[in-house]
C-alpha cells in the first residue's frame, strides 16, 4: 500500500520529467525566458503537482479529476518540447 504520493512510481517519473525539462530549458536562448522556458517548466512541474494533489483528495472523483489534469499537463509539456525542437 502506498502511504505517500512520493512512493508512487508515476509521481517519481513526473519529477524526473520536470527535472529534465528544467535542464533542457537552461540551454534555451535568454529571449525565451518568459515564453517557452517558462511554459515548459510550468507544465512539467504541474504533472507531479497534480498527481500529489490528487493523491491527497478523499473521493475517487476528485482524485480522478487531478490525475486527468496531470495527464493534460504531460501532453502540454510534450507539445512544448516538440515546438522547442522545431524552432
PDB file of N, CA and C in Angstrom:
ATOM      1  N   UNK A   1       0.834  -1.181   0.000  1.00  0.00           N
ATOM      2  CA  UNK A   1       0.000   0.000   0.000  1.00  0.00           C
ATOM      3  C   UNK A   1       0.887   1.255   0.000  1.00  0.00           C
ATOM      4  N   UNK A   2       0.501   2.205  -0.797  1.00  0.00           N
ATOM      5  CA  UNK A   2       1.248   3.457  -0.887  1.00  0.00           C
ATOM      6  C   UNK A   2       0.706   4.422   0.163  1.00  0.00           C
ATOM      7  N   UNK A   3       1.604   4.919   1.012  1.00  0.00           N
ATOM      8  CA  UNK A   3       1.198   5.816   2.099  1.00  0.00           C
ATOM      9  C   UNK A   3       1.434   7.282   1.803  1.00  0.00           C
ATOM     10  N   UNK A   4       2.252   7.566   0.791  1.00  0.00           N
ATOM     11  CA  UNK A   4       2.590   8.941   0.468  1.00  0.00           C
ATOM     12  C   UNK A   4       2.755   9.043  -1.044  1.00  0.00           C
ATOM     13  N   UNK A   5       2.373  10.175  -1.607  1.00  0.00           N
ATOM     14  CA  UNK A   5       2.457  10.322  -3.058  1.00  0.00           C
ATOM     15  C   UNK A   5       3.881  10.159  -3.575  1.00  0.00           C
ATOM     16  N   UNK A   6       4.880  10.447  -2.751  1.00  0.00           N
ATOM     17  CA  UNK A   6       6.269  10.313  -3.195  1.00  0.00           C
ATOM     18  C   UNK A   6       6.656   8.855  -3.451  1.00  0.00           C
ATOM     19  N   UNK A   7       5.847   7.922  -2.984  1.00  0.00           N
ATOM     20  CA  UNK A   7       6.091   6.500  -3.220  1.00  0.00           C
ATOM     21  C   UNK A   7       5.499   6.027  -4.549  1.00  0.00           C
ATOM     22  N   UNK A   8       4.697   6.874  -5.178  1.00  0.00           N
ATOM     23  CA  UNK A   8       4.036   6.489  -6.434  1.00  0.00           C
ATOM     24  C   UNK A   8       5.045   6.539  -7.586  1.00  0.00           C
ATOM     25  N   UNK A   9       5.218   5.434  -8.311  1.00  0.00           N
ATOM     26  CA  UNK A   9       6.141   5.443  -9.453  1.00  0.00           C
ATOM     27  C   UNK A   9       5.794   6.519 -10.487  1.00  0.00           C
ATOM     28  N   UNK A  10       4.528   6.772 -10.696  1.00  0.00           N
ATOM     29  CA  UNK A  10       4.133   7.787 -11.679  1.00  0.00           C
ATOM     30  C   UNK A  10       4.545   9.179 -11.217  1.00  0.00           C
ATOM     31  N   UNK A  11       4.468   9.463  -9.929  1.00  0.00           N
ATOM     32  CA  UNK A  11       4.914  10.755  -9.408  1.00  0.00           C
ATOM     33  C   UNK A  11       6.432  10.875  -9.550  1.00  0.00           C
ATOM     34  N   UNK A  12       7.151   9.792  -9.250  1.00  0.00           N
ATOM     35  CA  UNK A  12       8.604   9.798  -9.373  1.00  0.00           C
ATOM     36  C   UNK A  12       9.031  10.060 -10.818  1.00  0.00           C
ATOM     37  N   UNK A  13       8.346   9.440 -11.775  1.00  0.00           N
ATOM     38  CA  UNK A  13       8.661   9.667 -13.186  1.00  0.00           C
ATOM     39  C   UNK A  13       8.314  11.093 -13.591  1.00  0.00           C
ATOM     40  N   UNK A  14       7.223  11.622 -13.062  1.00  0.00           N
ATOM     41  CA  UNK A  14       6.848  13.007 -13.358  1.00  0.00           C
ATOM     42  C   UNK A  14       7.908  13.977 -12.840  1.00  0.00           C
ATOM     43  N   UNK A  15       8.464  13.688 -11.675  1.00  0.00           N
ATOM     44  CA  UNK A  15       9.543  14.526 -11.151  1.00  0.00           C
ATOM     45  C   UNK A  15      10.777  14.441 -12.034  1.00  0.00           C
ATOM     46  N   UNK A  16      11.064  13.248 -12.545  1.00  0.00           N
ATOM     47  CA  UNK A  16      12.185  13.085 -13.479  1.00  0.00           C
ATOM     48  C   UNK A  16      11.976  13.939 -14.730  1.00  0.00           C
ATOM     49  N   UNK A  17      10.749  13.938 -15.249  1.00  0.00           N
ATOM     50  CA  UNK A  17      10.428  14.742 -16.426  1.00  0.00           C
ATOM     51  C   UNK A  17      10.646  16.225 -16.123  1.00  0.00           C
ATOM     52  N   UNK A  18      10.153  16.688 -14.978  1.00  0.00           N
ATOM     53  CA  UNK A  18      10.305  18.098 -14.600  1.00  0.00           C
ATOM     54  C   UNK A  18      11.773  18.475 -14.486  1.00  0.00           C
ATOM     55  N   UNK A  19      12.545  17.597 -13.885  1.00  0.00           N
ATOM     56  CA  UNK A  19      13.982  17.860 -13.732  1.00  0.00           C
ATOM     57  C   UNK A  19      14.677  17.935 -15.092  1.00  0.00           C
ATOM     58  N   UNK A  20      14.342  17.006 -15.989  1.00  0.00           N
ATOM     59  CA  UNK A  20      14.958  17.003 -17.317  1.00  0.00           C
ATOM     60  C   UNK A  20      14.537  18.236 -18.113  1.00  0.00           C
ATOM     61  N   UNK A  21      13.270  18.632 -17.985  1.00  0.00           N
ATOM     62  CA  UNK A  21      12.803  19.828 -18.691  1.00  0.00           C
ATOM     63  C   UNK A  21      13.507  21.076 -18.163  1.00  0.00           C
ATOM     64  N   UNK A  22      13.744  21.123 -16.879  1.00  0.00           N
ATOM     65  CA  UNK A  22      14.484  22.252 -16.305  1.00  0.00           C
ATOM     66  C   UNK A  22      15.880  22.310 -16.909  1.00  0.00           C
ATOM     67  N   UNK A  23      16.550  21.178 -16.965  1.00  0.00           N
ATOM     68  CA  UNK A  23      17.905  21.120 -17.520  1.00  0.00           C
ATOM     69  C   UNK A  23      17.909  21.523 -18.997  1.00  0.00           C
ATOM     70  N   UNK A  24      16.960  21.005 -19.747  1.00  0.00           N
ATOM     71  CA  UNK A  24      16.860  21.349 -21.172  1.00  0.00           C
ATOM     72  C   UNK A  24      16.637  22.845 -21.339  1.00  0.00           C
ATOM     73  N   UNK A  25      15.761  23.395 -20.516  1.00  0.00           N
ATOM     74  CA  UNK A  25      15.395  24.806 -20.670  1.00  0.00           C
ATOM     75  C   UNK A  25      16.523  25.759 -20.270  1.00  0.00           C
ATOM     76  N   UNK A  26      17.488  25.270 -19.518  1.00  0.00           N
ATOM     77  CA  UNK A  26      18.637  26.122 -19.171  1.00  0.00           C
ATOM     78  C   UNK A  26      19.439  26.518 -20.405  1.00  0.00           C
ATOM     79  N   UNK A  27      19.353  25.684 -21.434  1.00  0.00           N
ATOM     80  CA  UNK A  27      20.116  25.936 -22.655  1.00  0.00           C
ATOM     81  C   UNK A  27      19.347  26.737 -23.707  1.00  0.00           C
ATOM     82  N   UNK A  28      18.121  27.118 -23.392  1.00  0.00           N
ATOM     83  CA  UNK A  28      17.348  27.914 -24.340  1.00  0.00           C
ATOM     84  C   UNK A  28      17.853  29.356 -24.341  1.00  0.00           C
ATOM     85  N   UNK A  29      17.665  30.054 -25.453  1.00  0.00           N
ATOM     86  CA  UNK A  29      18.099  31.454 -25.504  1.00  0.00           C
ATOM     87  C   UNK A  29      17.413  32.292 -24.426  1.00  0.00           C
ATOM     88  N   UNK A  30      18.107  33.306 -23.925  1.00  0.00           N
ATOM     89  CA  UNK A  30      17.563  34.173 -22.868  1.00  0.00           C
ATOM     90  C   UNK A  30      16.265  34.840 -23.300  1.00  0.00           C
ATOM     91  N   UNK A  31      16.129  35.091 -24.597  1.00  0.00           N
ATOM     92  CA  UNK A  31      14.905  35.737 -25.086  1.00  0.00           C
ATOM     93  C   UNK A  31      13.676  34.848 -24.879  1.00  0.00           C
ATOM     94  N   UNK A  32      13.886  33.589 -24.579  1.00  0.00           N
ATOM     95  CA  UNK A  32      12.775  32.657 -24.330  1.00  0.00           C
ATOM     96  C   UNK A  32      12.419  32.542 -22.850  1.00  0.00           C
ATOM     97  N   UNK A  33      13.095  33.285 -21.988  1.00  0.00           N
ATOM     98  CA  UNK A  33      12.859  33.159 -20.542  1.00  0.00           C
ATOM     99  C   UNK A  33      11.396  33.292 -20.148  1.00  0.00           C
ATOM    100  N   UNK A  34      10.673  34.212 -20.779  1.00  0.00           N
ATOM    101  CA  UNK A  34       9.283  34.445 -20.394  1.00  0.00           C
ATOM    102  C   UNK A  34       8.297  33.812 -21.371  1.00  0.00           C
ATOM    103  N   UNK A  35       8.795  33.009 -22.265  1.00  0.00           N
ATOM    104  CA  UNK A  35       7.932  32.340 -23.231  1.00  0.00           C
ATOM    105  C   UNK A  35       8.102  30.825 -23.078  1.00  0.00           C
ATOM    106  N   UNK A  36       8.836  30.219 -23.976  1.00  0.00           N
ATOM    107  CA  UNK A  36       8.972  28.762 -23.976  1.00  0.00           C
ATOM    108  C   UNK A  36       9.571  28.233 -22.679  1.00  0.00           C
ATOM    109  N   UNK A  37      10.600  28.853 -22.180  1.00  0.00           N
ATOM    110  CA  UNK A  37      11.253  28.380 -20.955  1.00  0.00           C
ATOM    111  C   UNK A  37      10.256  28.318 -19.808  1.00  0.00           C
ATOM    112  N   UNK A  38       9.533  29.388 -19.604  1.00  0.00           N
ATOM    113  CA  UNK A  38       8.568  29.465 -18.516  1.00  0.00           C
ATOM    114  C   UNK A  38       7.425  28.468 -18.709  1.00  0.00           C
ATOM    115  N   UNK A  39       6.894  28.394 -19.910  1.00  0.00           N
ATOM    116  CA  UNK A  39       5.778  27.485 -20.180  1.00  0.00           C
ATOM    117  C   UNK A  39       6.191  26.030 -20.009  1.00  0.00           C
ATOM    118  N   UNK A  40       7.376  25.689 -20.504  1.00  0.00           N
ATOM    119  CA  UNK A  40       7.866  24.317 -20.389  1.00  0.00           C
ATOM    120  C   UNK A  40       8.044  23.928 -18.928  1.00  0.00           C
ATOM    121  N   UNK A  41       8.679  24.784 -18.171  1.00  0.00           N
ATOM    122  CA  UNK A  41       8.908  24.473 -16.754  1.00  0.00           C
ATOM    123  C   UNK A  41       7.605  24.357 -15.984  1.00  0.00           C
ATOM    124  N   UNK A  42       6.680  25.280 -16.235  1.00  0.00           N
ATOM    125  CA  UNK A  42       5.406  25.257 -15.500  1.00  0.00           C
ATOM    126  C   UNK A  42       4.592  24.009 -15.827  1.00  0.00           C
ATOM    127  N   UNK A  43       4.503  23.660 -17.103  1.00  0.00           N
ATOM    128  CA  UNK A  43       3.703  22.486 -17.462  1.00  0.00           C
ATOM    129  C   UNK A  43       4.345  21.206 -16.930  1.00  0.00           C
ATOM    130  N   UNK A  44       5.675  21.130 -16.972  1.00  0.00           N
ATOM    131  CA  UNK A  44       6.370  19.942 -16.461  1.00  0.00           C
ATOM    132  C   UNK A  44       6.204  19.805 -14.949  1.00  0.00           C
ATOM    133  N   UNK A  45       6.295  20.918 -14.240  1.00  0.00           N
ATOM    134  CA  UNK A  45       6.113  20.891 -12.786  1.00  0.00           C
ATOM    135  C   UNK A  45       4.674  20.554 -12.408  1.00  0.00           C
ATOM    136  N   UNK A  46       3.750  20.941 -13.247  1.00  0.00           N
ATOM    137  CA  UNK A  46       2.329  20.718 -12.988  1.00  0.00           C
ATOM    138  C   UNK A  46       1.965  19.239 -12.976  1.00  0.00           C
ATOM    139  N   UNK A  47       2.691  18.429 -13.716  1.00  0.00           N
ATOM    140  CA  UNK A  47       2.382  16.998 -13.769  1.00  0.00           C
ATOM    141  C   UNK A  47       2.470  16.392 -12.375  1.00  0.00           C
ATOM    142  N   UNK A  48       3.621  16.498 -11.745  1.00  0.00           N
ATOM    143  CA  UNK A  48       3.807  15.899 -10.419  1.00  0.00           C
ATOM    144  C   UNK A  48       2.956  16.603  -9.362  1.00  0.00           C
ATOM    145  N   UNK A  49       2.776  17.915  -9.494  1.00  0.00           N
ATOM    146  CA  UNK A  49       1.982  18.657  -8.510  1.00  0.00           C
ATOM    147  C   UNK A  49       0.534  18.181  -8.511  1.00  0.00           C
ATOM    148  N   UNK A  50      -0.027  17.947  -9.681  1.00  0.00           N
ATOM    149  CA  UNK A  50      -1.414  17.484  -9.746  1.00  0.00           C
ATOM    150  C   UNK A  50      -1.564  16.034  -9.320  1.00  0.00           C
ATOM    151  N   UNK A  51      -0.550  15.224  -9.558  1.00  0.00           N
ATOM    152  CA  UNK A  51      -0.580  13.849  -9.045  1.00  0.00           C
ATOM    153  C   UNK A  51      -0.592  13.889  -7.516  1.00  0.00           C
ATOM    154  N   UNK A  52       0.258  14.731  -6.945  1.00  0.00           N
ATOM    155  CA  UNK A  52       0.311  14.865  -5.480  1.00  0.00           C
ATOM    156  C   UNK A  52      -1.018  15.366  -4.933  1.00  0.00           C
ATOM    157  N   UNK A  53      -1.584  16.380  -5.584  1.00  0.00           N
ATOM    158  CA  UNK A  53      -2.857  16.915  -5.103  1.00  0.00           C
ATOM    159  C   UNK A  53      -3.965  15.883  -5.230  1.00  0.00           C
ATOM    160  N   UNK A  54      -3.971  15.148  -6.316  1.00  0.00           N
ATOM    161  CA  UNK A  54      -4.959  14.086  -6.476  1.00  0.00           C
ATOM    162  C   UNK A  54      -4.841  13.027  -5.395  1.00  0.00           C
ATOM    163  N   UNK A  55      -3.614  12.675  -5.063  1.00  0.00           N
ATOM    164  CA  UNK A  55      -3.379  11.685  -4.004  1.00  0.00           C
ATOM    165  C   UNK A  55      -4.000  12.137  -2.693  1.00  0.00           C
ATOM    166  N   UNK A  56      -3.949  13.436  -2.433  1.00  0.00           N
ATOM    167  CA  UNK A  56      -4.465  13.973  -1.179  1.00  0.00           C
ATOM    168  C   UNK A  56      -5.969  14.145  -1.128  1.00  0.00           C
ATOM    169  N   UNK A  57      -6.633  13.986  -2.247  1.00  0.00           N
ATOM    170  CA  UNK A  57      -8.088  14.122  -2.272  1.00  0.00           C
ATOM    171  C   UNK A  57      -8.760  12.874  -1.710  1.00  0.00           C
ATOM    172  N   UNK A  58      -9.915  13.056  -1.139  1.00  0.00           N
ATOM    173  CA  UNK A  58     -10.593  11.954  -0.460  1.00  0.00           C
ATOM    174  C   UNK A  58     -11.478  11.104  -1.363  1.00  0.00           C
ATOM    175  N   UNK A  59     -12.134  11.712  -2.329  1.00  0.00           N
ATOM    176  CA  UNK A  59     -13.053  10.944  -3.166  1.00  0.00           C
ATOM    177  C   UNK A  59     -12.376  10.528  -4.467  1.00  0.00           C
ATOM    178  N   UNK A  60     -12.833   9.422  -5.006  1.00  0.00           N
ATOM    179  CA  UNK A  60     -12.254   8.949  -6.261  1.00  0.00           C
ATOM    180  C   UNK A  60     -12.549   9.923  -7.401  1.00  0.00           C
ATOM    181  N   UNK A  61     -13.670  10.623  -7.337  1.00  0.00           N
ATOM    182  CA  UNK A  61     -13.996  11.615  -8.359  1.00  0.00           C
ATOM    183  C   UNK A  61     -12.982  12.762  -8.333  1.00  0.00           C
ATOM    184  N   UNK A  62     -12.658  13.251  -7.139  1.00  0.00           N
ATOM    185  CA  UNK A  62     -11.648  14.309  -7.007  1.00  0.00           C
ATOM    186  C   UNK A  62     -10.275  13.818  -7.448  1.00  0.00           C
ATOM    187  N   UNK A  63      -9.914  12.605  -7.011  1.00  0.00           N
ATOM    188  CA  UNK A  63      -8.620  12.048  -7.403  1.00  0.00           C
ATOM    189  C   UNK A  63      -8.516  11.979  -8.922  1.00  0.00           C
ATOM    190  N   UNK A  64      -9.545  11.454  -9.539  1.00  0.00           N
ATOM    191  CA  UNK A  64      -9.558  11.280 -10.985  1.00  0.00           C
ATOM    192  C   UNK A  64      -9.422  12.617 -11.709  1.00  0.00           C
ATOM    193  N   UNK A  65     -10.085  13.638 -11.195  1.00  0.00           N
ATOM    194  CA  UNK A  65     -10.027  14.968 -11.804  1.00  0.00           C
ATOM    195  C   UNK A  65      -8.589  15.486 -11.837  1.00  0.00           C
ATOM    196  N   UNK A  66      -7.866  15.364 -10.731  1.00  0.00           N
ATOM    197  CA  UNK A  66      -6.489  15.862 -10.688  1.00  0.00           C
ATOM    198  C   UNK A  66      -5.541  14.988 -11.501  1.00  0.00           C
ATOM    199  N   UNK A  67      -5.800  13.681 -11.541  1.00  0.00           N
ATOM    200  CA  UNK A  67      -4.967  12.820 -12.374  1.00  0.00           C
ATOM    201  C   UNK A  67      -5.184  13.145 -13.850  1.00  0.00           C
ATOM    202  N   UNK A  68      -6.418  13.506 -14.222  1.00  0.00           N
ATOM    203  CA  UNK A  68      -6.685  13.935 -15.598  1.00  0.00           C
ATOM    204  C   UNK A  68      -5.961  15.240 -15.921  1.00  0.00           C
ATOM    205  N   UNK A  69      -5.941  16.161 -14.976  1.00  0.00           N
ATOM    206  CA  UNK A  69      -5.224  17.423 -15.177  1.00  0.00           C
ATOM    207  C   UNK A  69      -3.733  17.146 -15.362  1.00  0.00           C
ATOM    208  N   UNK A  70      -3.186  16.220 -14.568  1.00  0.00           N
ATOM    209  CA  UNK A  70      -1.773  15.848 -14.702  1.00  0.00           C
ATOM    210  C   UNK A  70      -1.501  15.276 -16.088  1.00  0.00           C
ATOM    211  N   UNK A  71      -2.410  14.466 -16.579  1.00  0.00           N
ATOM    212  CA  UNK A  71      -2.255  13.894 -17.919  1.00  0.00           C
ATOM    213  C   UNK A  71      -2.248  15.002 -18.965  1.00  0.00           C
ATOM    214  N   UNK A  72      -3.147  15.959 -18.815  1.00  0.00           N
ATOM    215  CA  UNK A  72      -3.168  17.086 -19.737  1.00  0.00           C
ATOM    216  C   UNK A  72      -1.872  17.872 -19.703  1.00  0.00           C
ATOM    217  N   UNK A  73      -1.319  18.056 -18.512  1.00  0.00           N
ATOM    218  CA  UNK A  73      -0.044  18.764 -18.378  1.00  0.00           C
ATOM    219  C   UNK A  73       1.086  18.001 -19.045  1.00  0.00           C
ATOM    220  N   UNK A  74       1.021  16.679 -19.006  1.00  0.00           N
ATOM    221  CA  UNK A  74       2.042  15.867 -19.674  1.00  0.00           C
ATOM    222  C   UNK A  74       2.000  16.087 -21.192  1.00  0.00           C
ATOM    223  N   UNK A  75       0.792  16.144 -21.741  1.00  0.00           N
ATOM    224  CA  UNK A  75       0.660  16.396 -23.173  1.00  0.00           C
ATOM    225  C   UNK A  75       1.095  17.816 -23.519  1.00  0.00           C
ATOM    226  N   UNK A  76       0.782  18.771 -22.655  1.00  0.00           N
ATOM    227  CA  UNK A  76       1.216  20.151 -22.871  1.00  0.00           C
ATOM    228  C   UNK A  76       2.750  20.223 -22.886  1.00  0.00           C
ATOM    229  N   UNK A  77       3.376  19.533 -21.951  1.00  0.00           N
ATOM    230  CA  UNK A  77       4.839  19.503 -21.877  1.00  0.00           C
ATOM    231  C   UNK A  77       5.418  18.905 -23.153  1.00  0.00           C
ATOM    232  N   UNK A  78       4.836  17.827 -23.615  1.00  0.00           N
ATOM    233  CA  UNK A  78       5.295  17.194 -24.855  1.00  0.00           C
ATOM    234  C   UNK A  78       5.206  18.180 -26.021  1.00  0.00           C
ATOM    235  N   UNK A  79       4.110  18.913 -26.096  1.00  0.00           N
ATOM    236  CA  UNK A  79       3.943  19.888 -27.168  1.00  0.00           C
ATOM    237  C   UNK A  79       5.008  20.980 -27.100  1.00  0.00           C
ATOM    238  N   UNK A  80       5.309  21.472 -25.899  1.00  0.00           N
ATOM    239  CA  UNK A  80       6.351  22.488 -25.747  1.00  0.00           C
ATOM    240  C   UNK A  80       7.710  21.943 -26.194  1.00  0.00           C
ATOM    241  N   UNK A  81       7.994  20.698 -25.864  1.00  0.00           N
ATOM    242  CA  UNK A  81       9.268  20.100 -26.271  1.00  0.00           C
ATOM    243  C   UNK A  81       9.357  19.955 -27.780  1.00  0.00           C
ATOM    244  N   UNK A  82       8.269  19.545 -28.406  1.00  0.00           N
ATOM    245  CA  UNK A  82       8.249  19.422 -29.868  1.00  0.00           C
ATOM    246  C   UNK A  82       8.443  20.787 -30.527  1.00  0.00           C
ATOM    247  N   UNK A  83       7.759  21.779 -29.997  1.00  0.00           N
ATOM    248  CA  UNK A  83       7.911  23.143 -30.513  1.00  0.00           C
ATOM    249  C   UNK A  83       9.367  23.600 -30.390  1.00  0.00           C
ATOM    250  N   UNK A  84       9.956  23.345 -29.220  1.00  0.00           N
ATOM    251  CA  UNK A  84      11.344  23.741 -28.998  1.00  0.00           C
ATOM    252  C   UNK A  84      12.297  23.108 -29.994  1.00  0.00           C
ATOM    253  N   UNK A  85      12.036  21.857 -30.327  1.00  0.00           N
ATOM    254  CA  UNK A  85      12.876  21.191 -31.332  1.00  0.00           C
ATOM    255  C   UNK A  85      12.701  21.801 -32.709  1.00  0.00           C
ATOM    256  N   UNK A  86      11.486  22.190 -33.025  1.00  0.00           N
ATOM    257  CA  UNK A  86      11.188  22.712 -34.355  1.00  0.00           C
ATOM    258  C   UNK A  86      11.740  24.111 -34.592  1.00  0.00           C
ATOM    259  N   UNK A  87      11.802  24.903 -33.530  1.00  0.00           N
ATOM    260  CA  UNK A  87      12.285  26.277 -33.731  1.00  0.00           C
ATOM    261  C   UNK A  87      13.715  26.411 -33.231  1.00  0.00           C
TER     262      UNK A  87
END
